[in-house]
Amino acid sequence: MDVRRTAVVKLAVSDEHRDTLHRTAEQYLYCANRTADYCWSETSYSECKTNKRQVRDALYSDLRAETELPAQLVQAAIRRAVEAIKGVVERWKKGQCVSSPTFTDETMDYDMRSATFYRRKVSLATIEGRVEPSFVLPADSPTPYERYVLSEDYEFRESTLRYDAATDEFYLNISTRRIDGNDAEVPVDTGHSDQTVLGIDLGVNSLAVSSTGTFWQGDEYDHWCREFEKRRGEMQQRGTQAAHNALLRLGKREDAWRKQYIHTVANELVAEAVERDCDVIAFEDLTDIRERLPHAKWHHVWAFRRLFEYVEYKAPEKGVSVEQVAPNHTSQRCSRTDCGFTHEANRHGERFCCQKCGYEVNADYNGAKNIGLRYARKRTHRLRSSPTSGNGDAEVDLRVNGGTLNGESHRPIAGD
C-alpha cells in the first residue's frame, strides 16, 4: 500500500528571507506569464502552443537571461504555464468562453531538485541562493501534520510555496508518501497488452484510491475544511463590517487553498499512472455521486468533480487518456477475477469481505480494481466486436500492486 498525503504547513520566515521569497515569486510569475503569452493564440486553439518541450526549448535561454531564477524554477514556471494553456484549450474545444491565463498569485512549484525537505524545516532555491525557513507547528496539536510530516515513515515529494496576503504568511503545500515495503515491488508488464489502465475510486475517508494500492487520504483536507468552517462561523457571529470584509478574504483564501490541494493530488495521480506505465486512467461516472455517497459533504463532492477535471486536462499532456465507467456495484463486487461475486453484504464500512470466496481487502482498493476491470472489459469487448479488430486478440491490462492483470485472462492478482 502506497499512502500519499498533502500537508499545509506555515513557514517561519525572517524579514530578510521574506523579501527574497517575494522577489523570487515576482520573477517566477514573470516567467509563467511570459510563457503563457508565447503559447496563446487569439485566433484558434489549434494554434496555441502546448508542447512543453518545444516551448521550453524556445524560451528557457531567454528567461534565464532575463531573470535571476535558478534553472529548476524557470522550468517549473514554464511547466505551470503550459499546463494552464492545455486546460484552457480543452475548455475551448468544448465551446466554452476562454481567455489567456494570467498568473497573479504568489505561488511557486518546487520539486526534489529545487527544495530539500527536513523534518522541521525546508531548504528552498531562490534568486539569492538557498533559504531555510522552519516549519511552524500548529497550536491545536496534534494534527494530521504531525502524524506524517514529522514521521520518519513518510518521505517528501513535490510542494508548492504560497503567500497569503491576508495573513502576510508563507505556506507550503507538501506532498508526502509513506515508505512501505510494497513500494519495492516492480509491476511486471505482460508484454502483450494493447493498453494498461489505472482504476481510481473516490471516497470520503480516502479522497482517491488507485488499483495499484495508492491511497490519497482525506483527513488533511477534512481538517482544514473544518477549520475554515469554524472561522466563518466566528466571523458571521460578529456581524460587523470588518468581520464581513474578513469573511470575504477568508472565502478567497479557502477557495485558493482547495484548488491548490486538489491540483497537488491530481498531479500525483497522473504521476502514478506514468510511473506504472498506464495508458488510461479510469474513474467512475460522477453523475448522481451525491446520491451514491449520502454521507459525503458538499466539499467532498466538489473535490471529486474538481479532481476529475484536473486529471482530465493534466493526463493527456503525459500521453495518458482519462475515461469514465458506470459505477453500479463496484463497491459490492469481488474484484478477484476468478470470483466476481456481487452482494451488498460484501462491504462492511471500509472493509470488503467477499461472502463467497472470503477475499478480504480495503473496500476502496477493491472498488478501484473493479473500476479498472470494468473499463478493461468494456474496451476489450469493443475491440473484439469491431469489424476492423483483426483476429480480436487486443487486450487491456489492469495495473495493480506488484503486477498487471489482464482484463479477460482471469489470472490471480499479483499483490493480493
Protein backbone atom coordinates (compact mmCIF):
# COMPACT_ATOMS: atom_id res chain seq x y z
CA MET A 1 0.00 0.00 0.00
CA ASP A 2 1.32 3.40 -1.05
CA VAL A 3 -0.27 6.19 1.03
CA ARG A 4 0.17 9.77 -0.11
CA ARG A 5 -0.86 12.78 1.91
CA THR A 6 -0.70 16.52 1.39
CA ALA A 7 0.10 18.78 4.34
CA VAL A 8 -0.30 22.56 4.56
CA VAL A 9 2.50 23.97 6.72
CA LYS A 10 3.13 27.58 7.75
CA LEU A 11 6.75 28.73 7.48
CA ALA A 12 8.69 30.89 9.92
CA VAL A 13 10.35 33.34 7.54
CA SER A 14 12.76 36.10 8.58
CA ASP A 15 12.32 39.61 7.19
CA GLU A 16 15.40 39.18 5.00
CA HIS A 17 14.22 35.89 3.56
CA ARG A 18 10.67 37.21 3.21
CA ASP A 19 11.90 39.87 0.80
CA THR A 20 13.94 37.26 -1.09
CA LEU A 21 10.93 34.99 -1.48
CA HIS A 22 8.74 37.86 -2.68
CA ARG A 23 11.27 38.87 -5.33
CA THR A 24 11.74 35.25 -6.36
CA ALA A 25 7.98 34.83 -6.74
CA GLU A 26 7.78 38.02 -8.76
CA GLN A 27 10.31 36.68 -11.26
CA TYR A 28 8.64 33.26 -11.26
CA LEU A 29 5.31 34.87 -12.20
CA TYR A 30 7.08 36.88 -14.89
CA CYS A 31 8.33 33.64 -16.45
CA ALA A 32 4.91 31.99 -16.20
CA ASN A 33 3.10 34.96 -17.78
CA ARG A 34 5.74 35.36 -20.47
CA THR A 35 5.31 31.67 -21.33
CA ALA A 36 1.52 31.98 -21.42
CA ASP A 37 1.77 34.95 -23.79
CA TYR A 38 4.09 32.96 -26.06
CA CYS A 39 1.80 29.93 -26.11
CA TRP A 40 -1.51 31.73 -26.55
CA SER A 41 -3.34 32.38 -29.81
CA GLU A 42 -6.43 34.56 -30.11
CA THR A 43 -7.26 33.00 -33.49
CA SER A 44 -7.70 29.29 -32.86
CA TYR A 45 -6.98 26.75 -30.12
CA SER A 46 -5.11 24.67 -32.72
CA GLU A 47 -2.55 27.47 -32.94
CA CYS A 48 -1.89 27.52 -29.19
CA LYS A 49 1.47 26.01 -28.30
CA THR A 50 1.04 23.07 -25.89
CA ASN A 51 4.18 21.01 -26.44
CA LYS A 52 6.12 21.51 -23.25
CA ARG A 53 9.48 20.50 -24.68
CA GLN A 54 9.18 22.82 -27.68
CA VAL A 55 8.08 25.74 -25.50
CA ARG A 56 10.93 25.11 -23.09
CA ASP A 57 13.47 24.97 -25.92
CA ALA A 58 12.13 28.25 -27.29
CA LEU A 59 12.01 30.24 -24.04
CA TYR A 60 14.37 28.72 -21.49
CA SER A 61 17.56 30.54 -22.50
CA ASP A 62 15.82 33.91 -22.76
CA LEU A 63 14.07 33.54 -19.40
CA ARG A 64 17.31 32.53 -17.72
CA ALA A 65 18.95 35.65 -19.15
CA GLU A 66 16.05 37.93 -18.24
CA THR A 67 15.74 36.76 -14.61
CA GLU A 68 17.90 35.65 -11.71
CA LEU A 69 15.88 32.48 -11.17
CA PRO A 70 17.70 29.16 -10.80
CA ALA A 71 17.18 26.72 -13.67
CA GLN A 72 14.69 24.49 -11.82
CA LEU A 73 12.31 27.36 -11.08
CA VAL A 74 12.43 28.65 -14.65
CA GLN A 75 11.46 25.19 -15.87
CA ALA A 76 8.73 24.93 -13.21
CA ALA A 77 7.24 28.25 -14.32
CA ILE A 78 7.23 27.10 -17.95
CA ARG A 79 5.53 23.84 -16.97
CA ARG A 80 2.86 25.66 -14.99
CA ALA A 81 2.04 27.97 -17.89
CA VAL A 82 1.91 25.20 -20.48
CA GLU A 83 -0.37 23.12 -18.24
CA ALA A 84 -2.65 26.13 -17.85
CA ILE A 85 -2.74 26.65 -21.61
CA LYS A 86 -3.62 22.98 -22.09
CA GLY A 87 -6.53 23.35 -19.66
CA VAL A 88 -7.83 26.43 -21.48
CA VAL A 89 -7.52 24.68 -24.85
CA GLU A 90 -9.57 21.73 -23.57
CA ARG A 91 -12.34 24.10 -22.45
CA TRP A 92 -12.11 25.98 -25.76
CA LYS A 93 -12.61 22.72 -27.64
CA LYS A 94 -15.83 22.19 -25.69
CA GLY A 95 -17.15 25.57 -26.82
CA GLN A 96 -16.62 27.38 -23.52
CA CYS A 97 -15.61 31.03 -23.33
CA VAL A 98 -11.90 31.26 -22.56
CA SER A 99 -9.05 33.74 -22.40
CA SER A 100 -5.30 33.53 -21.99
CA PRO A 101 -4.36 32.52 -18.41
CA THR A 102 -2.76 35.19 -16.23
CA PHE A 103 -0.75 34.39 -13.12
CA THR A 104 -1.02 36.83 -10.23
CA ASP A 105 -0.97 34.79 -7.00
CA GLU A 106 2.42 34.43 -5.36
CA THR A 107 2.89 30.67 -5.68
CA MET A 108 5.90 28.66 -6.82
CA ASP A 109 6.22 24.94 -7.58
CA TYR A 110 9.18 23.12 -6.05
CA ASP A 111 10.39 19.61 -6.82
CA MET A 112 13.07 17.49 -5.17
CA ARG A 113 15.81 19.38 -7.03
CA SER A 114 14.75 22.89 -6.04
CA ALA A 115 13.70 22.01 -2.46
CA THR A 116 15.30 19.85 0.20
CA PHE A 117 12.99 18.74 2.99
CA TYR A 118 13.88 18.11 6.59
CA ARG A 119 11.50 17.13 9.37
CA ARG A 120 11.23 20.64 10.82
CA LYS A 121 12.47 22.92 8.03
CA VAL A 122 12.84 23.17 4.28
CA SER A 123 15.63 24.46 2.04
CA LEU A 124 14.24 26.42 -0.93
CA ALA A 125 16.05 27.64 -4.03
CA THR A 126 15.68 31.40 -4.58
CA ILE A 127 17.29 34.17 -6.63
CA GLU A 128 19.80 34.62 -3.79
CA GLY A 129 20.71 31.03 -3.15
CA ARG A 130 19.04 28.76 -0.62
CA VAL A 131 16.88 29.89 2.29
CA GLU A 132 15.87 27.54 5.11
CA PRO A 133 12.66 28.59 6.89
CA SER A 134 11.48 26.31 9.68
CA PHE A 135 8.01 24.76 9.96
CA VAL A 136 5.54 26.29 12.41
CA LEU A 137 3.87 23.57 14.45
CA PRO A 138 0.10 24.18 14.67
CA ALA A 139 -1.15 25.37 18.04
CA ASP A 140 -4.04 22.88 18.08
CA SER A 141 -1.67 19.92 18.24
CA PRO A 142 -1.91 17.05 17.47
CA THR A 143 -2.99 17.38 13.83
CA PRO A 144 -2.58 15.30 10.65
CA TYR A 145 0.54 17.41 10.07
CA GLU A 146 2.35 15.75 12.97
CA ARG A 147 1.26 12.26 12.00
CA TYR A 148 3.13 12.26 8.70
CA VAL A 149 5.18 15.41 8.14
CA LEU A 150 7.16 14.72 11.30
CA SER A 151 7.03 10.95 10.84
CA GLU A 152 10.04 9.03 9.59
CA ASP A 153 7.57 6.69 7.86
CA TYR A 154 6.90 9.33 5.20
CA GLU A 155 9.15 10.79 2.54
CA PHE A 156 8.69 14.17 0.90
CA ARG A 157 7.79 14.61 -2.75
CA GLU A 158 6.96 17.89 -4.52
CA SER A 159 5.48 21.03 -2.95
CA THR A 160 4.00 24.44 -3.70
CA LEU A 161 5.01 27.60 -1.86
CA ARG A 162 2.10 30.03 -1.40
CA TYR A 163 2.00 33.54 0.02
CA ASP A 164 -1.21 34.53 1.81
CA ALA A 165 -1.58 38.31 1.59
CA ALA A 166 -4.44 38.31 4.10
CA THR A 167 -2.25 36.88 6.88
CA ASP A 168 1.12 38.03 5.48
CA GLU A 169 2.38 34.47 5.86
CA PHE A 170 4.06 31.90 3.63
CA TYR A 171 2.62 28.40 3.47
CA LEU A 172 3.99 25.23 1.93
CA ASN A 173 1.69 22.59 0.43
CA ILE A 174 3.81 19.49 0.94
CA SER A 175 3.19 16.18 -0.77
CA THR A 176 4.39 13.16 1.20
CA ARG A 177 4.40 9.42 0.54
CA ARG A 178 4.55 6.69 3.13
CA ILE A 179 7.60 4.47 2.85
CA ASP A 180 6.33 0.91 2.61
CA GLY A 181 7.94 -2.36 1.74
CA ASN A 182 5.42 -2.85 -1.04
CA ASP A 183 6.90 0.12 -2.89
CA ALA A 184 9.84 -2.09 -3.76
CA GLU A 185 7.58 -4.31 -5.87
CA VAL A 186 8.03 -3.53 -9.55
CA PRO A 187 4.97 -4.04 -11.74
CA VAL A 188 5.60 -6.64 -14.40
CA ASP A 189 4.47 -5.81 -17.93
CA THR A 190 2.67 -8.70 -19.60
CA GLY A 191 4.25 -7.72 -22.91
CA HIS A 192 1.12 -8.30 -24.99
CA SER A 193 -1.44 -5.77 -23.90
CA ASP A 194 -2.95 -3.11 -26.10
CA GLN A 195 -3.43 -0.76 -23.14
CA THR A 196 -2.86 -0.67 -19.40
CA VAL A 197 -5.47 1.01 -17.19
CA LEU A 198 -5.25 2.56 -13.73
CA GLY A 199 -8.55 2.34 -11.85
CA ILE A 200 -9.47 5.16 -9.44
CA ASP A 201 -12.09 5.01 -6.67
CA LEU A 202 -13.24 8.23 -4.98
CA GLY A 203 -14.49 8.31 -1.41
CA VAL A 204 -14.87 10.23 1.83
CA ASN A 205 -12.29 8.57 4.09
CA SER A 206 -9.79 8.23 1.25
CA LEU A 207 -10.11 11.03 -1.26
CA ALA A 208 -8.83 8.73 -4.00
CA VAL A 209 -7.54 5.17 -4.18
CA SER A 210 -5.84 3.58 -7.19
CA SER A 211 -5.86 -0.01 -8.37
CA THR A 212 -2.13 -0.09 -7.57
CA GLY A 213 -2.95 0.36 -3.88
CA THR A 214 -2.02 4.04 -3.63
CA PHE A 215 -4.17 5.93 -1.10
CA TRP A 216 -4.67 9.70 -1.08
CA GLN A 217 -6.15 10.15 2.37
CA GLY A 218 -8.75 12.82 3.08
CA ASP A 219 -8.02 13.66 6.72
CA GLU A 220 -5.86 16.71 5.99
CA TYR A 221 -8.47 18.00 3.55
CA ASP A 222 -11.26 17.44 6.09
CA HIS A 223 -9.21 19.04 8.86
CA TRP A 224 -8.79 22.31 7.00
CA CYS A 225 -12.36 22.32 5.73
CA ARG A 226 -13.49 22.17 9.37
CA GLU A 227 -11.04 24.94 10.28
CA PHE A 228 -12.36 27.25 7.55
CA GLU A 229 -15.94 26.47 8.54
CA LYS A 230 -15.16 27.25 12.18
CA ARG A 231 -13.58 30.59 11.26
CA ARG A 232 -16.52 31.52 9.02
CA GLY A 233 -18.91 30.83 11.88
CA GLU A 234 -16.91 33.03 14.27
CA MET A 235 -16.85 35.93 11.80
CA GLN A 236 -20.55 35.64 10.96
CA GLN A 237 -21.42 35.93 14.66
CA ARG A 238 -19.67 39.29 14.95
CA GLY A 239 -21.89 40.94 12.35
CA THR A 240 -19.60 43.92 11.80
CA GLN A 241 -18.41 45.39 8.52
CA ALA A 242 -14.85 44.48 9.41
CA ALA A 243 -15.93 40.90 10.01
CA HIS A 244 -17.77 40.89 6.69
CA ASN A 245 -14.64 42.07 4.86
CA ALA A 246 -12.56 39.47 6.68
CA LEU A 247 -15.13 36.84 5.69
CA LEU A 248 -14.72 37.76 2.01
CA ARG A 249 -10.93 37.46 2.31
CA LEU A 250 -11.29 34.13 4.06
CA GLY A 251 -13.53 32.86 1.27
CA LYS A 252 -10.94 33.73 -1.36
CA ARG A 253 -8.17 32.13 0.69
CA GLU A 254 -10.23 28.97 1.20
CA ASP A 255 -11.04 28.74 -2.50
CA ALA A 256 -7.38 29.11 -3.44
CA TRP A 257 -6.36 26.52 -0.86
CA ARG A 258 -8.92 23.96 -2.05
CA LYS A 259 -7.87 24.34 -5.69
CA GLN A 260 -4.18 24.07 -4.87
CA TYR A 261 -4.78 20.99 -2.71
CA ILE A 262 -6.70 19.19 -5.46
CA HIS A 263 -4.13 20.28 -8.05
CA THR A 264 -1.45 18.55 -5.97
CA VAL A 265 -3.46 15.33 -5.69
CA ALA A 266 -4.20 15.43 -9.43
CA ASN A 267 -0.51 15.83 -10.25
CA GLU A 268 0.36 12.87 -8.04
CA LEU A 269 -2.39 10.74 -9.54
CA VAL A 270 -1.16 11.42 -13.07
CA ALA A 271 2.41 10.75 -11.94
CA GLU A 272 1.26 7.39 -10.55
CA ALA A 273 -0.17 6.47 -13.95
CA VAL A 274 3.06 7.47 -15.69
CA GLU A 275 5.27 5.64 -13.19
CA ARG A 276 3.19 2.48 -13.66
CA ASP A 277 3.22 2.74 -17.47
CA CYS A 278 -0.54 3.19 -17.73
CA ASP A 279 -2.20 4.39 -20.91
CA VAL A 280 -5.62 5.08 -19.35
CA ILE A 281 -6.94 6.40 -16.04
CA ALA A 282 -10.47 5.14 -15.35
CA PHE A 283 -12.86 6.92 -12.98
CA GLU A 284 -16.39 6.00 -12.06
CA ASP A 285 -19.05 8.21 -13.66
CA LEU A 286 -19.66 11.07 -11.23
CA THR A 287 -23.30 11.55 -12.23
CA ASP A 288 -25.53 11.22 -9.14
CA ILE A 289 -22.48 10.77 -6.91
CA ARG A 290 -24.19 12.76 -4.14
CA GLU A 291 -26.96 10.18 -4.04
CA ARG A 292 -24.46 7.31 -4.09
CA LEU A 293 -22.45 8.82 -1.24
CA PRO A 294 -25.10 10.20 1.14
CA HIS A 295 -22.54 10.83 3.90
CA ALA A 296 -20.35 12.99 1.66
CA LYS A 297 -20.47 16.70 2.41
CA TRP A 298 -20.60 19.37 -0.27
CA HIS A 299 -16.85 19.93 -0.14
CA HIS A 300 -16.26 16.22 -0.81
CA VAL A 301 -18.46 16.28 -3.92
CA TRP A 302 -16.72 19.48 -5.04
CA ALA A 303 -13.34 17.78 -4.57
CA PHE A 304 -14.39 14.71 -6.58
CA ARG A 305 -15.58 16.75 -9.54
CA ARG A 306 -12.63 19.12 -9.49
CA LEU A 307 -10.13 16.24 -9.17
CA PHE A 308 -11.59 14.56 -12.24
CA GLU A 309 -11.49 17.85 -14.20
CA TYR A 310 -7.86 18.49 -13.26
CA VAL A 311 -6.77 14.95 -14.13
CA GLU A 312 -8.76 15.12 -17.37
CA TYR A 313 -6.66 18.01 -18.68
CA LYS A 314 -3.35 17.12 -17.00
CA ALA A 315 -3.14 13.46 -18.04
CA PRO A 316 -3.16 13.93 -21.86
CA GLU A 317 -0.01 16.03 -21.53
CA LYS A 318 1.70 12.84 -20.31
CA GLY A 319 0.18 10.68 -23.02
CA VAL A 320 -2.48 9.22 -20.71
CA SER A 321 -6.19 9.32 -21.57
CA VAL A 322 -9.00 9.63 -19.00
CA GLU A 323 -12.22 7.61 -19.15
CA GLN A 324 -15.32 7.04 -17.03
CA VAL A 325 -17.25 3.83 -16.42
CA ALA A 326 -20.62 3.01 -14.89
CA PRO A 327 -20.36 2.99 -11.08
CA ASN A 328 -23.03 0.41 -10.26
CA HIS A 329 -21.96 -2.34 -7.85
CA THR A 330 -18.23 -1.51 -7.96
CA SER A 331 -18.23 -1.33 -4.16
CA GLN A 332 -20.12 -4.63 -3.74
CA ARG A 333 -18.41 -6.79 -6.35
CA CYS A 334 -15.45 -9.03 -5.54
CA SER A 335 -12.51 -7.86 -7.67
CA ARG A 336 -10.94 -11.29 -7.87
CA THR A 337 -11.43 -12.26 -11.48
CA ASP A 338 -11.94 -15.92 -10.58
CA CYS A 339 -14.87 -14.87 -8.36
CA GLY A 340 -16.74 -11.64 -9.15
CA PHE A 341 -19.47 -12.39 -6.60
CA THR A 342 -21.65 -9.29 -6.07
CA HIS A 343 -23.68 -8.70 -2.92
CA GLU A 344 -24.33 -5.73 -0.62
CA ALA A 345 -23.21 -7.82 2.36
CA ASN A 346 -19.68 -7.94 0.93
CA ARG A 347 -18.92 -4.42 2.12
CA HIS A 348 -18.60 -3.51 5.79
CA GLY A 349 -17.65 0.17 6.07
CA GLU A 350 -14.01 0.48 4.99
CA ARG A 351 -13.51 -3.28 4.73
CA PHE A 352 -14.54 -5.60 1.91
CA CYS A 353 -15.05 -9.30 2.61
CA CYS A 354 -16.44 -11.49 -0.16
CA GLN A 355 -19.19 -13.74 1.19
CA LYS A 356 -18.37 -16.35 -1.45
CA CYS A 357 -14.58 -16.68 -1.69
CA GLY A 358 -13.55 -14.92 1.55
CA TYR A 359 -11.34 -12.34 -0.17
CA GLU A 360 -10.76 -9.52 2.33
CA VAL A 361 -9.24 -6.14 1.49
CA ASN A 362 -9.77 -2.40 1.88
CA ALA A 363 -13.16 -1.58 0.31
CA ASP A 364 -11.94 1.43 -1.66
CA TYR A 365 -8.99 -0.54 -3.06
CA ASN A 366 -11.41 -3.28 -4.12
CA GLY A 367 -13.59 -0.63 -5.78
CA ALA A 368 -10.63 0.88 -7.64
CA LYS A 369 -9.74 -2.51 -9.11
CA ASN A 370 -13.36 -3.07 -10.16
CA ILE A 371 -13.43 0.32 -11.90
CA GLY A 372 -10.26 -0.54 -13.80
CA LEU A 373 -11.52 -4.01 -14.65
CA ARG A 374 -14.82 -2.61 -15.90
CA TYR A 375 -13.02 -0.31 -18.33
CA ALA A 376 -10.67 -3.12 -19.40
CA ARG A 377 -13.53 -5.49 -20.15
CA LYS A 378 -15.55 -2.78 -21.86
CA ARG A 379 -12.70 -1.84 -24.18
CA THR A 380 -11.68 -5.43 -24.84
CA HIS A 381 -15.26 -6.29 -25.79
CA ARG A 382 -15.47 -3.23 -28.04
CA LEU A 383 -12.20 -4.06 -29.79
CA ARG A 384 -13.14 -7.69 -30.33
CA SER A 385 -16.57 -6.73 -31.63
CA SER A 386 -15.21 -4.21 -34.12
CA PRO A 387 -15.14 -5.36 -37.76
CA THR A 388 -11.67 -3.80 -38.06
CA SER A 389 -10.21 -5.52 -34.99
CA GLY A 390 -8.45 -8.27 -36.94
CA ASN A 391 -8.24 -11.53 -35.03
CA GLY A 392 -9.74 -9.95 -31.92
CA ASP A 393 -6.70 -10.52 -29.70
CA ALA A 394 -6.47 -6.92 -28.44
CA GLU A 395 -6.17 -6.90 -24.67
CA VAL A 396 -6.26 -4.36 -21.86
CA ASP A 397 -4.34 -4.84 -18.62
CA LEU A 398 -5.32 -3.51 -15.22
CA ARG A 399 -2.38 -2.13 -13.28
CA VAL A 400 -2.40 -3.48 -9.72
CA ASN A 401 0.00 -3.61 -6.80
CA GLY A 402 3.01 -5.61 -7.87
CA GLY A 403 1.93 -6.51 -11.42
CA THR A 404 -0.69 -6.35 -14.13
CA LEU A 405 -3.96 -8.18 -14.51
CA ASN A 406 -5.35 -8.80 -17.96
CA GLY A 407 -8.98 -7.77 -18.18
CA GLU A 408 -10.05 -11.11 -19.65
CA SER A 409 -7.49 -13.67 -18.55
CA HIS A 410 -8.88 -14.40 -15.06
CA ARG A 411 -5.44 -14.77 -13.56
CA PRO A 412 -4.80 -14.19 -9.84
CA ILE A 413 -3.98 -10.57 -8.98
CA ALA A 414 -0.35 -10.04 -8.01
CA GLY A 415 -0.12 -8.47 -4.57
CA ASP A 416 -3.40 -9.94 -3.29
